[in-house]
PDB file of all heavy atoms in Angstrom:
ATOM      1  N   ASP A   1      -7.011   6.647   6.601  1.00  0.00           N
ATOM      2  CA  ASP A   1      -6.385   5.319   6.705  1.00  0.00           C
ATOM      3  C   ASP A   1      -5.021   5.365   7.393  1.00  0.00           C
ATOM      4  O   ASP A   1      -4.348   4.358   7.508  1.00  0.00           O
ATOM      5  CB  ASP A   1      -6.289   4.647   5.336  1.00  0.00           C
ATOM      6  CG  ASP A   1      -5.265   5.267   4.423  1.00  0.00           C
ATOM      7  OD1 ASP A   1      -4.977   6.465   4.569  1.00  0.00           O
ATOM      8  OD2 ASP A   1      -4.753   4.550   3.545  1.00  0.00           O
ATOM      9  N   SER A   2      -4.660   6.537   7.893  1.00  0.00           N
ATOM     10  CA  SER A   2      -3.425   6.652   8.675  1.00  0.00           C
ATOM     11  C   SER A   2      -3.723   6.616  10.173  1.00  0.00           C
ATOM     12  O   SER A   2      -2.806   6.676  10.987  1.00  0.00           O
ATOM     13  CB  SER A   2      -2.687   7.949   8.316  1.00  0.00           C
ATOM     14  OG  SER A   2      -3.518   9.066   8.556  1.00  0.00           O
ATOM     15  N   VAL A   3      -4.995   6.505  10.526  1.00  0.00           N
ATOM     16  CA  VAL A   3      -5.423   6.385  11.918  1.00  0.00           C
ATOM     17  C   VAL A   3      -6.106   5.035  12.060  1.00  0.00           C
ATOM     18  O   VAL A   3      -7.073   4.748  11.353  1.00  0.00           O
ATOM     19  CB  VAL A   3      -6.401   7.525  12.304  1.00  0.00           C
ATOM     20  CG1 VAL A   3      -6.898   7.341  13.722  1.00  0.00           C
ATOM     21  CG2 VAL A   3      -5.738   8.882  12.132  1.00  0.00           C
ATOM     22  N   SER A   4      -5.617   4.205  12.943  1.00  0.00           N
ATOM     23  CA  SER A   4      -6.169   2.850  13.025  1.00  0.00           C
ATOM     24  C   SER A   4      -7.548   2.839  13.667  1.00  0.00           C
ATOM     25  O   SER A   4      -7.763   3.384  14.743  1.00  0.00           O
ATOM     26  CB  SER A   4      -5.217   1.912  13.759  1.00  0.00           C
ATOM     27  OG  SER A   4      -5.147   2.197  15.125  1.00  0.00           O
ATOM     28  N   ILE A   5      -8.456   2.205  12.936  1.00  0.00           N
ATOM     29  CA  ILE A   5      -9.799   1.915  13.421  1.00  0.00           C
ATOM     30  C   ILE A   5      -9.935   0.404  13.271  1.00  0.00           C
ATOM     31  O   ILE A   5      -9.832  -0.125  12.160  1.00  0.00           O
ATOM     32  CB  ILE A   5     -10.877   2.650  12.602  1.00  0.00           C
ATOM     33  CG1 ILE A   5     -10.696   4.171  12.703  1.00  0.00           C
ATOM     34  CG2 ILE A   5     -12.273   2.229  13.064  1.00  0.00           C
ATOM     35  CD1 ILE A   5     -11.628   4.966  11.802  1.00  0.00           C
ATOM     36  N   LYS A   6     -10.110  -0.271  14.376  1.00  0.00           N
ATOM     37  CA  LYS A   6     -10.079  -1.736  14.385  1.00  0.00           C
ATOM     38  C   LYS A   6     -10.895  -2.336  13.239  1.00  0.00           C
ATOM     39  O   LYS A   6     -12.061  -2.016  13.049  1.00  0.00           O
ATOM     40  CB  LYS A   6     -10.594  -2.270  15.717  1.00  0.00           C
ATOM     41  CG  LYS A   6     -10.452  -3.763  15.858  1.00  0.00           C
ATOM     42  CD  LYS A   6     -10.895  -4.248  17.212  1.00  0.00           C
ATOM     43  CE  LYS A   6     -10.734  -5.762  17.283  1.00  0.00           C
ATOM     44  NZ  LYS A   6     -11.080  -6.276  18.589  1.00  0.00           N
ATOM     45  N   GLY A   7     -10.223  -3.198  12.471  1.00  0.00           N
ATOM     46  CA  GLY A   7     -10.869  -3.895  11.368  1.00  0.00           C
ATOM     47  C   GLY A   7     -10.859  -3.167  10.042  1.00  0.00           C
ATOM     48  O   GLY A   7     -11.159  -3.747   9.004  1.00  0.00           O
ATOM     49  N   MET A   8     -10.481  -1.898  10.058  1.00  0.00           N
ATOM     50  CA  MET A   8     -10.494  -1.090   8.841  1.00  0.00           C
ATOM     51  C   MET A   8      -9.100  -1.075   8.199  1.00  0.00           C
ATOM     52  O   MET A   8      -8.096  -1.339   8.860  1.00  0.00           O
ATOM     53  CB  MET A   8     -10.910   0.352   9.166  1.00  0.00           C
ATOM     54  CG  MET A   8     -12.265   0.471   9.836  1.00  0.00           C
ATOM     55  SD  MET A   8     -13.625   0.079   8.743  1.00  0.00           S
ATOM     56  CE  MET A   8     -13.551   1.444   7.617  1.00  0.00           C
ATOM     57  N   LEU A   9      -9.065  -0.746   6.907  1.00  0.00           N
ATOM     58  CA  LEU A   9      -7.778  -0.621   6.230  1.00  0.00           C
ATOM     59  C   LEU A   9      -6.923   0.416   6.940  1.00  0.00           C
ATOM     60  O   LEU A   9      -7.402   1.482   7.324  1.00  0.00           O
ATOM     61  CB  LEU A   9      -7.979  -0.237   4.763  1.00  0.00           C
ATOM     62  CG  LEU A   9      -8.564  -1.341   3.883  1.00  0.00           C
ATOM     63  CD1 LEU A   9      -8.888  -0.802   2.484  1.00  0.00           C
ATOM     64  CD2 LEU A   9      -7.621  -2.532   3.784  1.00  0.00           C
ATOM     65  N   PHE A  10      -5.640   0.086   7.105  1.00  0.00           N
ATOM     66  CA  PHE A  10      -4.701   0.923   7.854  1.00  0.00           C
ATOM     67  C   PHE A  10      -3.408   0.993   7.052  1.00  0.00           C
ATOM     68  O   PHE A  10      -2.394   0.433   7.405  1.00  0.00           O
ATOM     69  CB  PHE A  10      -4.482   0.295   9.235  1.00  0.00           C
ATOM     70  CG  PHE A  10      -3.594   1.068  10.159  1.00  0.00           C
ATOM     71  CD1 PHE A  10      -3.636   2.446  10.242  1.00  0.00           C
ATOM     72  CD2 PHE A  10      -2.715   0.394  10.985  1.00  0.00           C
ATOM     73  CE1 PHE A  10      -2.819   3.139  11.111  1.00  0.00           C
ATOM     74  CE2 PHE A  10      -1.883   1.073  11.864  1.00  0.00           C
ATOM     75  CZ  PHE A  10      -1.941   2.449  11.928  1.00  0.00           C
ATOM     76  N   MET A  11      -3.479   1.712   5.928  1.00  0.00           N
ATOM     77  CA  MET A  11      -2.369   1.710   4.982  1.00  0.00           C
ATOM     78  C   MET A  11      -1.519   2.966   5.018  1.00  0.00           C
ATOM     79  O   MET A  11      -0.416   2.977   4.485  1.00  0.00           O
ATOM     80  CB  MET A  11      -2.908   1.485   3.572  1.00  0.00           C
ATOM     81  CG  MET A  11      -3.694   0.175   3.460  1.00  0.00           C
ATOM     82  SD  MET A  11      -4.291  -0.210   1.818  1.00  0.00           S
ATOM     83  CE  MET A  11      -5.282   1.190   1.406  1.00  0.00           C
ATOM     84  N   ALA A  12      -2.028   4.031   5.607  1.00  0.00           N
ATOM     85  CA  ALA A  12      -1.289   5.288   5.723  1.00  0.00           C
ATOM     86  C   ALA A  12      -0.779   5.801   4.375  1.00  0.00           C
ATOM     87  O   ALA A  12       0.260   6.431   4.298  1.00  0.00           O
ATOM     88  CB  ALA A  12      -0.137   5.141   6.719  1.00  0.00           C
ATOM     89  N   GLY A  13      -1.510   5.493   3.317  1.00  0.00           N
ATOM     90  CA  GLY A  13      -1.130   5.984   1.987  1.00  0.00           C
ATOM     91  C   GLY A  13       0.121   5.336   1.423  1.00  0.00           C
ATOM     92  O   GLY A  13       0.690   5.841   0.464  1.00  0.00           O
ATOM     93  N   CYS A  14       0.569   4.242   2.000  1.00  0.00           N
ATOM     94  CA  CYS A  14       1.806   3.585   1.588  1.00  0.00           C
ATOM     95  C   CYS A  14       1.490   2.319   0.794  1.00  0.00           C
ATOM     96  O   CYS A  14       0.878   1.390   1.335  1.00  0.00           O
ATOM     97  CB  CYS A  14       2.624   3.247   2.829  1.00  0.00           C
ATOM     98  SG  CYS A  14       4.174   2.440   2.477  1.00  0.00           S
ATOM     99  N   PRO A  15       1.896   2.253  -0.464  1.00  0.00           N
ATOM    100  CA  PRO A  15       1.599   1.064  -1.275  1.00  0.00           C
ATOM    101  C   PRO A  15       2.081  -0.247  -0.656  1.00  0.00           C
ATOM    102  O   PRO A  15       1.445  -1.284  -0.830  1.00  0.00           O
ATOM    103  CB  PRO A  15       2.323   1.344  -2.593  1.00  0.00           C
ATOM    104  CG  PRO A  15       2.418   2.826  -2.671  1.00  0.00           C
ATOM    105  CD  PRO A  15       2.586   3.287  -1.249  1.00  0.00           C
ATOM    106  N   ALA A  16       3.174  -0.206   0.096  1.00  0.00           N
ATOM    107  CA  ALA A  16       3.697  -1.423   0.720  1.00  0.00           C
ATOM    108  C   ALA A  16       2.759  -1.957   1.812  1.00  0.00           C
ATOM    109  O   ALA A  16       2.864  -3.122   2.193  1.00  0.00           O
ATOM    110  CB  ALA A  16       5.082  -1.160   1.312  1.00  0.00           C
ATOM    111  N   ARG A  17       1.852  -1.116   2.292  1.00  0.00           N
ATOM    112  CA  ARG A  17       0.912  -1.527   3.343  1.00  0.00           C
ATOM    113  C   ARG A  17      -0.454  -1.920   2.771  1.00  0.00           C
ATOM    114  O   ARG A  17      -1.403  -2.124   3.519  1.00  0.00           O
ATOM    115  CB  ARG A  17       0.740  -0.403   4.362  1.00  0.00           C
ATOM    116  CG  ARG A  17       2.007  -0.121   5.161  1.00  0.00           C
ATOM    117  CD  ARG A  17       1.774   0.978   6.193  1.00  0.00           C
ATOM    118  NE  ARG A  17       0.664   0.715   7.079  1.00  0.00           N
ATOM    119  CZ  ARG A  17       0.715  -0.016   8.189  1.00  0.00           C
ATOM    120  NH1 ARG A  17       1.842  -0.583   8.562  1.00  0.00           N
ATOM    121  NH2 ARG A  17      -0.361  -0.183   8.933  1.00  0.00           N
ATOM    122  N   LYS A  18      -0.540  -2.064   1.458  1.00  0.00           N
ATOM    123  CA  LYS A  18      -1.818  -2.372   0.814  1.00  0.00           C
ATOM    124  C   LYS A  18      -2.480  -3.591   1.458  1.00  0.00           C
ATOM    125  O   LYS A  18      -1.848  -4.624   1.638  1.00  0.00           O
ATOM    126  CB  LYS A  18      -1.618  -2.624  -0.680  1.00  0.00           C
ATOM    127  CG  LYS A  18      -2.911  -2.863  -1.410  1.00  0.00           C
ATOM    128  CD  LYS A  18      -2.695  -3.020  -2.898  1.00  0.00           C
ATOM    129  CE  LYS A  18      -4.049  -3.217  -3.571  1.00  0.00           C
ATOM    130  NZ  LYS A  18      -3.927  -3.329  -5.007  1.00  0.00           N
ATOM    131  N   GLY A  19      -3.747  -3.431   1.831  1.00  0.00           N
ATOM    132  CA  GLY A  19      -4.528  -4.520   2.393  1.00  0.00           C
ATOM    133  C   GLY A  19      -4.371  -4.740   3.884  1.00  0.00           C
ATOM    134  O   GLY A  19      -5.069  -5.571   4.456  1.00  0.00           O
ATOM    135  N   ILE A  20      -3.494  -4.004   4.536  1.00  0.00           N
ATOM    136  CA  ILE A  20      -3.293  -4.175   5.982  1.00  0.00           C
ATOM    137  C   ILE A  20      -4.469  -3.551   6.735  1.00  0.00           C
ATOM    138  O   ILE A  20      -4.896  -2.446   6.437  1.00  0.00           O
ATOM    139  CB  ILE A  20      -1.954  -3.553   6.435  1.00  0.00           C
ATOM    140  CG1 ILE A  20      -0.798  -4.360   5.843  1.00  0.00           C
ATOM    141  CG2 ILE A  20      -1.864  -3.478   7.958  1.00  0.00           C
ATOM    142  CD1 ILE A  20       0.568  -3.836   6.165  1.00  0.00           C
ATOM    143  N   ARG A  21      -4.968  -4.308   7.704  1.00  0.00           N
ATOM    144  CA  ARG A  21      -6.090  -3.849   8.513  1.00  0.00           C
ATOM    145  C   ARG A  21      -5.636  -3.627   9.951  1.00  0.00           C
ATOM    146  O   ARG A  21      -4.781  -4.342  10.464  1.00  0.00           O
ATOM    147  CB  ARG A  21      -7.239  -4.854   8.475  1.00  0.00           C
ATOM    148  CG  ARG A  21      -7.839  -4.961   7.093  1.00  0.00           C
ATOM    149  CD  ARG A  21      -9.159  -5.694   7.074  1.00  0.00           C
ATOM    150  NE  ARG A  21      -9.728  -5.599   5.742  1.00  0.00           N
ATOM    151  CZ  ARG A  21     -10.492  -4.622   5.310  1.00  0.00           C
ATOM    152  NH1 ARG A  21     -10.802  -3.630   6.120  1.00  0.00           N
ATOM    153  NH2 ARG A  21     -10.958  -4.604   4.076  1.00  0.00           N
ATOM    154  N   ALA A  22      -6.229  -2.643  10.576  1.00  0.00           N
ATOM    155  CA  ALA A  22      -5.903  -2.319  11.964  1.00  0.00           C
ATOM    156  C   ALA A  22      -6.404  -3.414  12.899  1.00  0.00           C
ATOM    157  O   ALA A  22      -7.515  -3.916  12.731  1.00  0.00           O
ATOM    158  CB  ALA A  22      -6.517  -0.976  12.347  1.00  0.00           C
ATOM    159  N   THR A  23      -5.590  -3.760  13.863  1.00  0.00           N
ATOM    160  CA  THR A  23      -5.973  -4.779  14.847  1.00  0.00           C
ATOM    161  C   THR A  23      -6.564  -4.157  16.108  1.00  0.00           C
ATOM    162  O   THR A  23      -7.135  -4.862  16.940  1.00  0.00           O
ATOM    163  CB  THR A  23      -4.766  -5.647  15.225  1.00  0.00           C
ATOM    164  OG1 THR A  23      -3.725  -4.803  15.733  1.00  0.00           O
ATOM    165  CG2 THR A  23      -4.255  -6.425  14.013  1.00  0.00           C
ATOM    166  N   LYS A  24      -6.395  -2.845  16.244  1.00  0.00           N
ATOM    167  CA  LYS A  24      -6.978  -2.141  17.396  1.00  0.00           C
ATOM    168  C   LYS A  24      -7.214  -0.684  17.003  1.00  0.00           C
ATOM    169  O   LYS A  24      -6.713  -0.204  15.980  1.00  0.00           O
ATOM    170  CB  LYS A  24      -6.072  -2.231  18.619  1.00  0.00           C
ATOM    171  CG  LYS A  24      -4.729  -1.547  18.446  1.00  0.00           C
ATOM    172  CD  LYS A  24      -3.903  -1.686  19.702  1.00  0.00           C
ATOM    173  CE  LYS A  24      -2.607  -0.897  19.569  1.00  0.00           C
ATOM    174  NZ  LYS A  24      -1.849  -0.874  20.795  1.00  0.00           N
ATOM    175  N   ASP A  25      -7.963   0.007  17.814  1.00  0.00           N
ATOM    176  CA  ASP A  25      -8.220   1.426  17.597  1.00  0.00           C
ATOM    177  C   ASP A  25      -7.035   2.266  18.059  1.00  0.00           C
ATOM    178  O   ASP A  25      -6.413   1.955  19.083  1.00  0.00           O
ATOM    179  CB  ASP A  25      -9.442   1.890  18.399  1.00  0.00           C
ATOM    180  CG  ASP A  25     -10.764   1.406  17.832  1.00  0.00           C
ATOM    181  OD1 ASP A  25     -10.822   1.091  16.632  1.00  0.00           O
ATOM    182  OD2 ASP A  25     -11.748   1.366  18.599  1.00  0.00           O
ATOM    183  N   ALA A  26      -6.757   3.322  17.315  1.00  0.00           N
ATOM    184  CA  ALA A  26      -5.798   4.327  17.777  1.00  0.00           C
ATOM    185  C   ALA A  26      -6.408   5.009  19.004  1.00  0.00           C
ATOM    186  O   ALA A  26      -7.633   5.018  19.175  1.00  0.00           O
ATOM    187  CB  ALA A  26      -5.549   5.351  16.682  1.00  0.00           C
ATOM    188  N   PRO A  27      -5.581   5.589  19.864  1.00  0.00           N
ATOM    189  CA  PRO A  27      -6.124   6.263  21.051  1.00  0.00           C
ATOM    190  C   PRO A  27      -7.220   7.281  20.723  1.00  0.00           C
ATOM    191  O   PRO A  27      -8.226   7.345  21.431  1.00  0.00           O
ATOM    192  CB  PRO A  27      -4.895   6.930  21.676  1.00  0.00           C
ATOM    193  CG  PRO A  27      -3.760   6.027  21.290  1.00  0.00           C
ATOM    194  CD  PRO A  27      -4.098   5.579  19.889  1.00  0.00           C
ATOM    195  N   VAL A  28      -7.053   8.036  19.658  1.00  0.00           N
ATOM    196  CA  VAL A  28      -8.071   9.032  19.319  1.00  0.00           C
ATOM    197  C   VAL A  28      -9.390   8.364  18.945  1.00  0.00           C
ATOM    198  O   VAL A  28     -10.466   8.825  19.328  1.00  0.00           O
ATOM    199  CB  VAL A  28      -7.590   9.992  18.206  1.00  0.00           C
ATOM    200  CG1 VAL A  28      -7.401   9.260  16.876  1.00  0.00           C
ATOM    201  CG2 VAL A  28      -8.549  11.153  18.040  1.00  0.00           C
ATOM    202  N   CYS A  29      -9.321   7.270  18.233  1.00  0.00           N
ATOM    203  CA  CYS A  29     -10.532   6.535  17.859  1.00  0.00           C
ATOM    204  C   CYS A  29     -11.165   5.897  19.091  1.00  0.00           C
ATOM    205  O   CYS A  29     -12.393   5.914  19.254  1.00  0.00           O
ATOM    206  CB  CYS A  29     -10.217   5.492  16.805  1.00  0.00           C
ATOM    207  SG  CYS A  29     -11.667   4.589  16.256  1.00  0.00           S
ATOM    208  N   GLU A  30     -10.347   5.354  19.958  1.00  0.00           N
ATOM    209  CA  GLU A  30     -10.847   4.764  21.198  1.00  0.00           C
ATOM    210  C   GLU A  30     -11.592   5.817  22.029  1.00  0.00           C
ATOM    211  O   GLU A  30     -12.672   5.554  22.565  1.00  0.00           O
ATOM    212  CB  GLU A  30      -9.682   4.172  21.995  1.00  0.00           C
ATOM    213  CG  GLU A  30     -10.099   3.460  23.249  1.00  0.00           C
ATOM    214  CD  GLU A  30      -8.911   2.867  23.998  1.00  0.00           C
ATOM    215  OE1 GLU A  30      -7.770   2.911  23.505  1.00  0.00           O
ATOM    216  OE2 GLU A  30      -9.150   2.348  25.105  1.00  0.00           O
ATOM    217  N   ARG A  31     -11.029   7.012  22.097  1.00  0.00           N
ATOM    218  CA  ARG A  31     -11.674   8.099  22.845  1.00  0.00           C
ATOM    219  C   ARG A  31     -12.996   8.506  22.190  1.00  0.00           C
ATOM    220  O   ARG A  31     -13.973   8.800  22.888  1.00  0.00           O
ATOM    221  CB  ARG A  31     -10.737   9.288  22.958  1.00  0.00           C
ATOM    222  CG  ARG A  31      -9.592   9.040  23.907  1.00  0.00           C
ATOM    223  CD  ARG A  31      -8.692  10.265  24.060  1.00  0.00           C
ATOM    224  NE  ARG A  31      -7.521   9.911  24.818  1.00  0.00           N
ATOM    225  CZ  ARG A  31      -6.291   9.850  24.328  1.00  0.00           C
ATOM    226  NH1 ARG A  31      -6.064  10.140  23.063  1.00  0.00           N
ATOM    227  NH2 ARG A  31      -5.284   9.516  25.102  1.00  0.00           N
ATOM    228  N   MET A  32     -13.025   8.551  20.863  1.00  0.00           N
ATOM    229  CA  MET A  32     -14.262   8.883  20.154  1.00  0.00           C
ATOM    230  C   MET A  32     -15.325   7.835  20.465  1.00  0.00           C
ATOM    231  O   MET A  32     -16.483   8.191  20.756  1.00  0.00           O
ATOM    232  CB  MET A  32     -14.010   8.962  18.645  1.00  0.00           C
ATOM    233  CG  MET A  32     -13.101  10.089  18.208  1.00  0.00           C
ATOM    234  SD  MET A  32     -13.916  11.672  18.148  1.00  0.00           S
ATOM    235  CE  MET A  32     -14.925  11.469  16.692  1.00  0.00           C
ATOM    236  N   ARG A  33     -14.973   6.565  20.394  1.00  0.00           N
ATOM    237  CA  ARG A  33     -15.941   5.506  20.697  1.00  0.00           C
ATOM    238  C   ARG A  33     -16.419   5.602  22.143  1.00  0.00           C
ATOM    239  O   ARG A  33     -17.603   5.452  22.422  1.00  0.00           O
ATOM    240  CB  ARG A  33     -15.331   4.128  20.457  1.00  0.00           C
ATOM    241  CG  ARG A  33     -15.207   3.757  18.995  1.00  0.00           C
ATOM    242  CD  ARG A  33     -14.858   2.276  18.927  1.00  0.00           C
ATOM    243  NE  ARG A  33     -14.196   1.875  17.713  1.00  0.00           N
ATOM    244  CZ  ARG A  33     -14.706   1.004  16.844  1.00  0.00           C
ATOM    245  NH1 ARG A  33     -15.900   0.487  17.046  1.00  0.00           N
ATOM    246  NH2 ARG A  33     -14.023   0.656  15.786  1.00  0.00           N
ATOM    247  N   ASN A  34     -15.480   5.834  23.071  1.00  0.00           N
ATOM    248  CA  ASN A  34     -15.863   5.971  24.487  1.00  0.00           C
ATOM    249  C   ASN A  34     -16.796   7.158  24.715  1.00  0.00           C
ATOM    250  O   ASN A  34     -17.606   7.134  25.634  1.00  0.00           O
ATOM    251  CB  ASN A  34     -14.634   6.088  25.368  1.00  0.00           C
ATOM    252  CG  ASN A  34     -13.869   4.781  25.481  1.00  0.00           C
ATOM    253  OD1 ASN A  34     -14.397   3.704  25.205  1.00  0.00           O
ATOM    254  ND2 ASN A  34     -12.609   4.863  25.864  1.00  0.00           N
ATOM    255  N   ALA A  35     -16.678   8.161  23.854  1.00  0.00           N
ATOM    256  CA  ALA A  35     -17.568   9.324  23.937  1.00  0.00           C
ATOM    257  C   ALA A  35     -18.903   9.054  23.259  1.00  0.00           C
ATOM    258  O   ALA A  35     -19.785   9.912  23.260  1.00  0.00           O
ATOM    259  CB  ALA A  35     -16.890  10.552  23.318  1.00  0.00           C
ATOM    260  N   GLY A  36     -19.053   7.858  22.659  1.00  0.00           N
ATOM    261  CA  GLY A  36     -20.315   7.469  22.057  1.00  0.00           C
ATOM    262  C   GLY A  36     -20.390   7.575  20.561  1.00  0.00           C
ATOM    263  O   GLY A  36     -21.406   7.234  19.948  1.00  0.00           O
TER     264      GLY A  36
END
């Protein structure tokens, strides 16, 4: 949850970020998706 995946919880283990969802993919996730 410390790596943004669009639409998924993106809290980075921080209670203050509870319920926050990623609005876009992190570069690593984008590359994984582009690789299929």
